[in-house]
Amino acid sequence: MLPLRQHSTVFAGKTIRHSTFRSSLTHIPRSSELCVPSRNLFDPSKHVSNTTRIIFDCTSSGVRHASFNIPWSKSEGSKGASVILTDLNDPTSPIPALRHHLSANTNVPPGAPLFAYETDDNGWEPLTKSNWLARCNEVWVAARLPPLKAHAFRIGGCTELLLRGTNPDIVCVQGRWKSKAFLEYWRKIQKILPLFISNSFTDARVALVNSSMTSFKSKFRL
């Protein structure tokens, strides 16, 4: 059984990635951009720390959002990237999850990874890819759902954004793909589309997504 504070940290890390499933105003981060390989391999030049500035704000229409910078990304290298989170009318909303993580782990020393959590022996541990996925899969398997790999969050988030009618150009920017790379990604997504069909996502919605991606391909002459 994991420490309670780790549950809140895993939930915050998961919902920040899961928020891309529901909102076109967030980007689709990779696990390596939010998690660290291990405590001994934490590198402030590549991994976001808890001293990074997190901006919580609200739009004029009342939508809460937050943002912070990461020092390194796969696509931009040391130029880093911005993580932008938008509040959702959903239990997986990233804003309350992030706030809860920060308030539950106030004794983690400055300079530790952003998603580090306090342990029962008054120490702390970083959120690694392995313990993040282990906790997620523990919950899903208990609910009789199949275990997932980290990349499932990225491909699943991209798929759901498209199915919810988000313009492919926006999804491309959110995932920081080049147009040709995004088209290659779309070919992978086509294989899992049947898994997303439900009362919310009908065949008509999939047809609309296919049409949008055909237009995207034509626009960039791919």
C-alpha atoms as a PDB file:
ATOM      1  CA  MET A   1       0.000   0.000   0.000  1.00  0.00           C
ATOM      2  CA  LEU A   2       1.421   3.393  -0.980  1.00  0.00           C
ATOM      3  CA  PRO A   3       1.644   6.343   1.462  1.00  0.00           C
ATOM      4  CA  LEU A   4      -1.399   8.626   1.369  1.00  0.00           C
ATOM      5  CA  ARG A   5       0.686  11.573   0.186  1.00  0.00           C
ATOM      6  CA  GLN A   6       1.967   9.496  -2.708  1.00  0.00           C
ATOM      7  CA  HIS A   7      -1.625   8.876  -3.749  1.00  0.00           C
ATOM      8  CA  SER A   8      -2.170  12.640  -3.999  1.00  0.00           C
ATOM      9  CA  THR A   9       1.066  13.071  -5.943  1.00  0.00           C
ATOM     10  CA  VAL A  10       0.284  10.245  -8.352  1.00  0.00           C
ATOM     11  CA  PHE A  11      -3.206  11.700  -8.806  1.00  0.00           C
ATOM     12  CA  ALA A  12      -1.798  15.165  -9.529  1.00  0.00           C
ATOM     13  CA  GLY A  13       0.704  13.802 -12.045  1.00  0.00           C
ATOM     14  CA  LYS A  14      -1.941  11.581 -13.634  1.00  0.00           C
ATOM     15  CA  THR A  15      -4.569  14.304 -13.922  1.00  0.00           C
ATOM     16  CA  ILE A  16      -2.132  16.755 -15.429  1.00  0.00           C
ATOM     17  CA  ARG A  17      -1.590  14.203 -18.182  1.00  0.00           C
ATOM     18  CA  HIS A  18      -5.228  13.098 -18.182  1.00  0.00           C
ATOM     19  CA  SER A  19      -6.435  16.693 -18.467  1.00  0.00           C
ATOM     20  CA  THR A  20      -5.305  16.600 -22.072  1.00  0.00           C
ATOM     21  CA  PHE A  21      -8.065  14.024 -22.643  1.00  0.00           C
ATOM     22  CA  ARG A  22     -10.707  16.640 -21.922  1.00  0.00           C
ATOM     23  CA  SER A  23      -9.351  20.083 -22.784  1.00  0.00           C
ATOM     24  CA  SER A  24      -7.831  21.670 -25.878  1.00  0.00           C
ATOM     25  CA  LEU A  25      -6.167  24.269 -23.653  1.00  0.00           C
ATOM     26  CA  THR A  26      -3.584  21.894 -22.232  1.00  0.00           C
ATOM     27  CA  HIS A  27      -0.642  20.301 -23.950  1.00  0.00           C
ATOM     28  CA  ILE A  28       0.051  16.579 -24.051  1.00  0.00           C
ATOM     29  CA  PRO A  29       3.156  16.045 -21.901  1.00  0.00           C
ATOM     30  CA  ARG A  30       5.374  12.998 -21.951  1.00  0.00           C
ATOM     31  CA  SER A  31       5.987  11.060 -18.738  1.00  0.00           C
ATOM     32  CA  SER A  32       9.697  11.937 -18.909  1.00  0.00           C
ATOM     33  CA  GLU A  33       8.763  15.624 -18.683  1.00  0.00           C
ATOM     34  CA  LEU A  34       6.936  15.255 -15.352  1.00  0.00           C
ATOM     35  CA  CYS A  35       8.517  12.204 -13.711  1.00  0.00           C
ATOM     36  CA  VAL A  36      12.150  11.452 -12.873  1.00  0.00           C
ATOM     37  CA  PRO A  37      13.969   8.130 -13.469  1.00  0.00           C
ATOM     38  CA  SER A  38      14.945   7.844  -9.771  1.00  0.00           C
ATOM     39  CA  ARG A  39      15.900  10.025  -6.827  1.00  0.00           C
ATOM     40  CA  ASN A  40      19.597   9.722  -7.670  1.00  0.00           C
ATOM     41  CA  LEU A  41      19.034  10.656 -11.301  1.00  0.00           C
ATOM     42  CA  PHE A  42      17.124  13.906 -10.696  1.00  0.00           C
ATOM     43  CA  ASP A  43      18.680  16.598 -12.880  1.00  0.00           C
ATOM     44  CA  PRO A  44      17.364  20.177 -12.429  1.00  0.00           C
ATOM     45  CA  SER A  45      18.474  21.009 -15.964  1.00  0.00           C
ATOM     46  CA  LYS A  46      16.070  18.359 -17.310  1.00  0.00           C
ATOM     47  CA  HIS A  47      13.463  17.794 -14.595  1.00  0.00           C
ATOM     48  CA  VAL A  48      11.064  20.381 -13.194  1.00  0.00           C
ATOM     49  CA  SER A  49      11.635  21.169  -9.496  1.00  0.00           C
ATOM     50  CA  ASN A  50       9.300  22.378  -6.770  1.00  0.00           C
ATOM     51  CA  THR A  51      10.908  25.817  -6.894  1.00  0.00           C
ATOM     52  CA  THR A  52       9.476  26.468 -10.338  1.00  0.00           C
ATOM     53  CA  ARG A  53       6.944  29.276 -10.460  1.00  0.00           C
ATOM     54  CA  ILE A  54       3.379  28.003 -10.786  1.00  0.00           C
ATOM     55  CA  ILE A  55       0.870  30.608 -11.896  1.00  0.00           C
ATOM     56  CA  PHE A  56      -2.761  30.082 -10.915  1.00  0.00           C
ATOM     57  CA  ASP A  57      -5.179  32.389 -12.700  1.00  0.00           C
ATOM     58  CA  CYS A  58      -8.728  32.726 -13.985  1.00  0.00           C
ATOM     59  CA  THR A  59     -10.086  33.932 -17.320  1.00  0.00           C
ATOM     60  CA  SER A  60     -12.657  36.722 -17.566  1.00  0.00           C
ATOM     61  CA  SER A  61     -15.276  34.028 -18.165  1.00  0.00           C
ATOM     62  CA  GLY A  62     -14.417  32.292 -14.895  1.00  0.00           C
ATOM     63  CA  VAL A  63     -12.302  29.370 -16.158  1.00  0.00           C
ATOM     64  CA  ARG A  64      -9.493  28.551 -13.750  1.00  0.00           C
ATOM     65  CA  HIS A  65      -6.106  27.599 -15.142  1.00  0.00           C
ATOM     66  CA  ALA A  66      -2.499  27.141 -14.090  1.00  0.00           C
ATOM     67  CA  SER A  67       0.845  27.066 -15.846  1.00  0.00           C
ATOM     68  CA  PHE A  68       4.479  26.304 -15.170  1.00  0.00           C
ATOM     69  CA  ASN A  69       7.612  25.832 -17.258  1.00  0.00           C
ATOM     70  CA  ILE A  70       9.600  22.639 -17.639  1.00  0.00           C
ATOM     71  CA  PRO A  71      13.351  23.005 -18.337  1.00  0.00           C
ATOM     72  CA  TRP A  72      13.576  20.283 -20.987  1.00  0.00           C
ATOM     73  CA  SER A  73      11.313  18.633 -23.527  1.00  0.00           C
ATOM     74  CA  LYS A  74      11.871  15.895 -26.083  1.00  0.00           C
ATOM     75  CA  SER A  75      10.985  18.158 -28.990  1.00  0.00           C
ATOM     76  CA  GLU A  76      12.677  21.393 -27.860  1.00  0.00           C
ATOM     77  CA  GLY A  77      15.528  20.072 -25.728  1.00  0.00           C
ATOM     78  CA  SER A  78      16.971  22.621 -23.299  1.00  0.00           C
ATOM     79  CA  LYS A  79      14.581  25.312 -24.570  1.00  0.00           C
ATOM     80  CA  GLY A  80      11.964  23.622 -22.414  1.00  0.00           C
ATOM     81  CA  ALA A  81       8.227  24.133 -22.735  1.00  0.00           C
ATOM     82  CA  SER A  82       5.202  25.485 -20.896  1.00  0.00           C
ATOM     83  CA  VAL A  83       2.640  23.203 -19.263  1.00  0.00           C
ATOM     84  CA  ILE A  84      -0.788  24.862 -19.285  1.00  0.00           C
ATOM     85  CA  LEU A  85      -3.584  23.291 -17.254  1.00  0.00           C
ATOM     86  CA  THR A  86      -7.274  24.120 -17.461  1.00  0.00           C
ATOM     87  CA  ASP A  87      -9.894  23.386 -14.831  1.00  0.00           C
ATOM     88  CA  LEU A  88     -12.545  20.884 -15.839  1.00  0.00           C
ATOM     89  CA  ASN A  89     -16.001  20.045 -14.635  1.00  0.00           C
ATOM     90  CA  ASP A  90     -14.724  16.555 -13.940  1.00  0.00           C
ATOM     91  CA  PRO A  91     -13.243  14.599 -10.974  1.00  0.00           C
ATOM     92  CA  THR A  92      -9.951  14.417 -12.880  1.00  0.00           C
ATOM     93  CA  SER A  93      -9.564  18.203 -13.128  1.00  0.00           C
ATOM     94  CA  PRO A  94      -5.847  19.042 -12.774  1.00  0.00           C
ATOM     95  CA  ILE A  95      -6.199  22.320 -10.842  1.00  0.00           C
ATOM     96  CA  PRO A  96      -7.546  20.952  -7.517  1.00  0.00           C
ATOM     97  CA  ALA A  97      -5.280  17.901  -7.893  1.00  0.00           C
ATOM     98  CA  LEU A  98      -2.191  20.106  -8.237  1.00  0.00           C
ATOM     99  CA  ARG A  99      -3.231  22.335  -5.334  1.00  0.00           C
ATOM    100  CA  HIS A 100      -3.833  19.280  -3.142  1.00  0.00           C
ATOM    101  CA  HIS A 101      -0.444  17.826  -4.027  1.00  0.00           C
ATOM    102  CA  LEU A 102       1.299  21.081  -3.118  1.00  0.00           C
ATOM    103  CA  SER A 103      -0.530  21.451   0.214  1.00  0.00           C
ATOM    104  CA  ALA A 104      -0.044  17.781   1.184  1.00  0.00           C
ATOM    105  CA  ASN A 105       3.712  17.843   0.640  1.00  0.00           C
ATOM    106  CA  THR A 106       4.877  21.120   2.165  1.00  0.00           C
ATOM    107  CA  ASN A 107       7.795  19.495   3.998  1.00  0.00           C
ATOM    108  CA  VAL A 108       9.538  18.342   0.832  1.00  0.00           C
ATOM    109  CA  PRO A 109      12.742  20.431   0.694  1.00  0.00           C
ATOM    110  CA  PRO A 110      13.149  23.190  -1.912  1.00  0.00           C
ATOM    111  CA  GLY A 111      14.903  22.011  -5.044  1.00  0.00           C
ATOM    112  CA  ALA A 112      13.344  18.548  -5.009  1.00  0.00           C
ATOM    113  CA  PRO A 113      11.314  17.371  -8.023  1.00  0.00           C
ATOM    114  CA  LEU A 114       7.982  19.153  -8.398  1.00  0.00           C
ATOM    115  CA  PHE A 115       6.110  15.875  -7.983  1.00  0.00           C
ATOM    116  CA  ALA A 116       7.977  14.639  -4.926  1.00  0.00           C
ATOM    117  CA  TYR A 117       5.959  13.459  -1.933  1.00  0.00           C
ATOM    118  CA  GLU A 118       6.512  13.070   1.803  1.00  0.00           C
ATOM    119  CA  THR A 119       7.022   9.577   3.198  1.00  0.00           C
ATOM    120  CA  ASP A 120       5.934   8.079   6.543  1.00  0.00           C
ATOM    121  CA  ASP A 121       9.500   8.264   7.933  1.00  0.00           C
ATOM    122  CA  ASN A 122       9.540  12.076   7.492  1.00  0.00           C
ATOM    123  CA  GLY A 123      11.585  11.802   4.322  1.00  0.00           C
ATOM    124  CA  TRP A 124      10.527  12.240   0.730  1.00  0.00           C
ATOM    125  CA  GLU A 125      10.589  10.409  -2.568  1.00  0.00           C
ATOM    126  CA  PRO A 126      10.232  11.603  -6.163  1.00  0.00           C
ATOM    127  CA  LEU A 127       7.385  10.546  -8.400  1.00  0.00           C
ATOM    128  CA  THR A 128       9.022   8.175 -10.854  1.00  0.00           C
ATOM    129  CA  LYS A 129       7.547   6.724 -13.986  1.00  0.00           C
ATOM    130  CA  SER A 130       7.476   3.285 -12.388  1.00  0.00           C
ATOM    131  CA  ASN A 131       5.648   4.202  -9.156  1.00  0.00           C
ATOM    132  CA  TRP A 132       3.272   6.513 -11.029  1.00  0.00           C
ATOM    133  CA  LEU A 133       2.270   3.756 -13.453  1.00  0.00           C
ATOM    134  CA  ALA A 134       2.172   1.132 -10.696  1.00  0.00           C
ATOM    135  CA  ARG A 135      -0.403   3.124  -8.739  1.00  0.00           C
ATOM    136  CA  CYS A 136      -2.491   3.930 -11.830  1.00  0.00           C
ATOM    137  CA  ASN A 137      -2.558   0.288 -12.890  1.00  0.00           C
ATOM    138  CA  GLU A 138      -3.348  -0.842  -9.359  1.00  0.00           C
ATOM    139  CA  VAL A 139      -6.535   1.226  -9.516  1.00  0.00           C
ATOM    140  CA  TRP A 140      -7.458   0.200 -13.055  1.00  0.00           C
ATOM    141  CA  VAL A 141      -6.850  -3.523 -12.571  1.00  0.00           C
ATOM    142  CA  ALA A 142      -8.957  -3.428  -9.396  1.00  0.00           C
ATOM    143  CA  ALA A 143     -11.732  -1.955 -11.546  1.00  0.00           C
ATOM    144  CA  ARG A 144     -11.263  -4.811 -14.047  1.00  0.00           C
ATOM    145  CA  LEU A 145      -9.647  -2.570 -16.627  1.00  0.00           C
ATOM    146  CA  PRO A 146      -6.459  -3.524 -18.498  1.00  0.00           C
ATOM    147  CA  PRO A 147      -3.110  -2.129 -17.303  1.00  0.00           C
ATOM    148  CA  LEU A 148      -1.617   0.577 -19.491  1.00  0.00           C
ATOM    149  CA  LYS A 149       1.824   1.794 -20.468  1.00  0.00           C
ATOM    150  CA  ALA A 150       2.854   5.439 -20.150  1.00  0.00           C
ATOM    151  CA  HIS A 151       2.501   6.161 -23.850  1.00  0.00           C
ATOM    152  CA  ALA A 152      -1.183   5.250 -23.653  1.00  0.00           C
ATOM    153  CA  PHE A 153      -1.801   8.600 -21.937  1.00  0.00           C
ATOM    154  CA  ARG A 154      -0.340  10.529 -24.843  1.00  0.00           C
ATOM    155  CA  ILE A 155      -2.023   8.599 -27.640  1.00  0.00           C
ATOM    156  CA  GLY A 156      -5.266   8.409 -25.661  1.00  0.00           C
ATOM    157  CA  GLY A 157      -5.258  12.126 -24.925  1.00  0.00           C
ATOM    158  CA  CYS A 158      -4.651  12.948 -28.561  1.00  0.00           C
ATOM    159  CA  THR A 159      -7.438  10.612 -29.651  1.00  0.00           C
ATOM    160  CA  GLU A 160      -9.994  12.018 -27.255  1.00  0.00           C
ATOM    161  CA  LEU A 161      -9.179  15.611 -28.228  1.00  0.00           C
ATOM    162  CA  LEU A 162      -9.815  14.726 -31.864  1.00  0.00           C
ATOM    163  CA  LEU A 163     -13.027  12.882 -31.042  1.00  0.00           C
ATOM    164  CA  ARG A 164     -14.257  15.887 -29.092  1.00  0.00           C
ATOM    165  CA  GLY A 165     -13.930  18.010 -32.191  1.00  0.00           C
ATOM    166  CA  THR A 166     -10.660  19.798 -31.470  1.00  0.00           C
ATOM    167  CA  ASN A 167      -9.060  21.114 -34.648  1.00  0.00           C
ATOM    168  CA  PRO A 168      -6.141  18.841 -35.690  1.00  0.00           C
ATOM    169  CA  ASP A 169      -3.884  21.905 -35.999  1.00  0.00           C
ATOM    170  CA  ILE A 170      -4.480  22.664 -32.312  1.00  0.00           C
ATOM    171  CA  VAL A 171      -3.888  19.056 -31.278  1.00  0.00           C
ATOM    172  CA  CYS A 172      -0.684  19.103 -33.323  1.00  0.00           C
ATOM    173  CA  VAL A 173       0.517  22.186 -31.436  1.00  0.00           C
ATOM    174  CA  GLN A 174      -0.562  20.788 -28.059  1.00  0.00           C
ATOM    175  CA  GLY A 175       1.466  17.641 -28.601  1.00  0.00           C
ATOM    176  CA  ARG A 176       4.325  19.639 -30.100  1.00  0.00           C
ATOM    177  CA  TRP A 177       4.363  17.491 -33.211  1.00  0.00           C
ATOM    178  CA  LYS A 178       5.542  18.588 -36.625  1.00  0.00           C
ATOM    179  CA  SER A 179       2.810  18.158 -39.227  1.00  0.00           C
ATOM    180  CA  LYS A 180       4.376  15.067 -40.819  1.00  0.00           C
ATOM    181  CA  ALA A 181       5.081  13.473 -37.440  1.00  0.00           C
ATOM    182  CA  PHE A 182       1.505  14.116 -36.367  1.00  0.00           C
ATOM    183  CA  LEU A 183       0.181  12.363 -39.464  1.00  0.00           C
ATOM    184  CA  GLU A 184       2.303   9.334 -38.604  1.00  0.00           C
ATOM    185  CA  TYR A 185       0.834   9.472 -35.121  1.00  0.00           C
ATOM    186  CA  TRP A 186      -2.660   9.605 -36.571  1.00  0.00           C
ATOM    187  CA  ARG A 187      -2.030   6.325 -38.392  1.00  0.00           C
ATOM    188  CA  LYS A 188      -1.343   4.715 -34.997  1.00  0.00           C
ATOM    189  CA  ILE A 189      -4.491   6.284 -33.552  1.00  0.00           C
ATOM    190  CA  GLN A 190      -6.667   4.822 -36.308  1.00  0.00           C
ATOM    191  CA  LYS A 191      -5.906   1.360 -34.926  1.00  0.00           C
ATOM    192  CA  ILE A 192      -7.399   2.152 -31.510  1.00  0.00           C
ATOM    193  CA  LEU A 193     -10.371   4.263 -32.571  1.00  0.00           C
ATOM    194  CA  PRO A 194     -12.831   1.376 -32.084  1.00  0.00           C
ATOM    195  CA  LEU A 195     -11.894   1.319 -28.386  1.00  0.00           C
ATOM    196  CA  PHE A 196     -13.244   4.868 -28.006  1.00  0.00           C
ATOM    197  CA  ILE A 197     -16.647   4.254 -29.564  1.00  0.00           C
ATOM    198  CA  SER A 198     -19.372   4.666 -26.958  1.00  0.00           C
ATOM    199  CA  ASN A 199     -22.580   6.576 -26.409  1.00  0.00           C
ATOM    200  CA  SER A 200     -20.474   9.740 -26.442  1.00  0.00           C
ATOM    201  CA  PHE A 201     -18.358   8.928 -29.502  1.00  0.00           C
ATOM    202  CA  THR A 202     -20.471   7.520 -32.313  1.00  0.00           C
ATOM    203  CA  ASP A 203     -19.510   6.366 -35.771  1.00  0.00           C
ATOM    204  CA  ALA A 204     -20.558   9.811 -37.005  1.00  0.00           C
ATOM    205  CA  ARG A 205     -17.994  11.439 -34.728  1.00  0.00           C
ATOM    206  CA  VAL A 206     -15.254   9.130 -36.004  1.00  0.00           C
ATOM    207  CA  ALA A 207     -16.279   9.967 -39.580  1.00  0.00           C
ATOM    208  CA  LEU A 208     -15.951  13.661 -38.726  1.00  0.00           C
ATOM    209  CA  VAL A 209     -12.470  13.108 -37.299  1.00  0.00           C
ATOM    210  CA  ASN A 210     -11.430  11.181 -40.405  1.00  0.00           C
ATOM    211  CA  SER A 211     -12.681  14.051 -42.551  1.00  0.00           C
ATOM    212  CA  SER A 212     -10.751  16.584 -40.438  1.00  0.00           C
ATOM    213  CA  MET A 213      -7.554  14.571 -40.724  1.00  0.00           C
ATOM    214  CA  THR A 214      -7.998  14.253 -44.504  1.00  0.00           C
ATOM    215  CA  SER A 215      -8.219  18.051 -44.686  1.00  0.00           C
ATOM    216  CA  PHE A 216      -5.139  18.323 -42.441  1.00  0.00           C
ATOM    217  CA  LYS A 217      -3.206  16.010 -44.766  1.00  0.00           C
ATOM    218  CA  SER A 218      -4.271  18.008 -47.806  1.00  0.00           C
ATOM    219  CA  LYS A 219      -3.414  21.329 -46.165  1.00  0.00           C
ATOM    220  CA  PHE A 220       0.182  20.299 -45.530  1.00  0.00           C
ATOM    221  CA  ARG A 221       0.434  18.244 -48.743  1.00  0.00           C
ATOM    222  CA  LEU A 222       1.412  15.146 -46.822  1.00  0.00           C
END
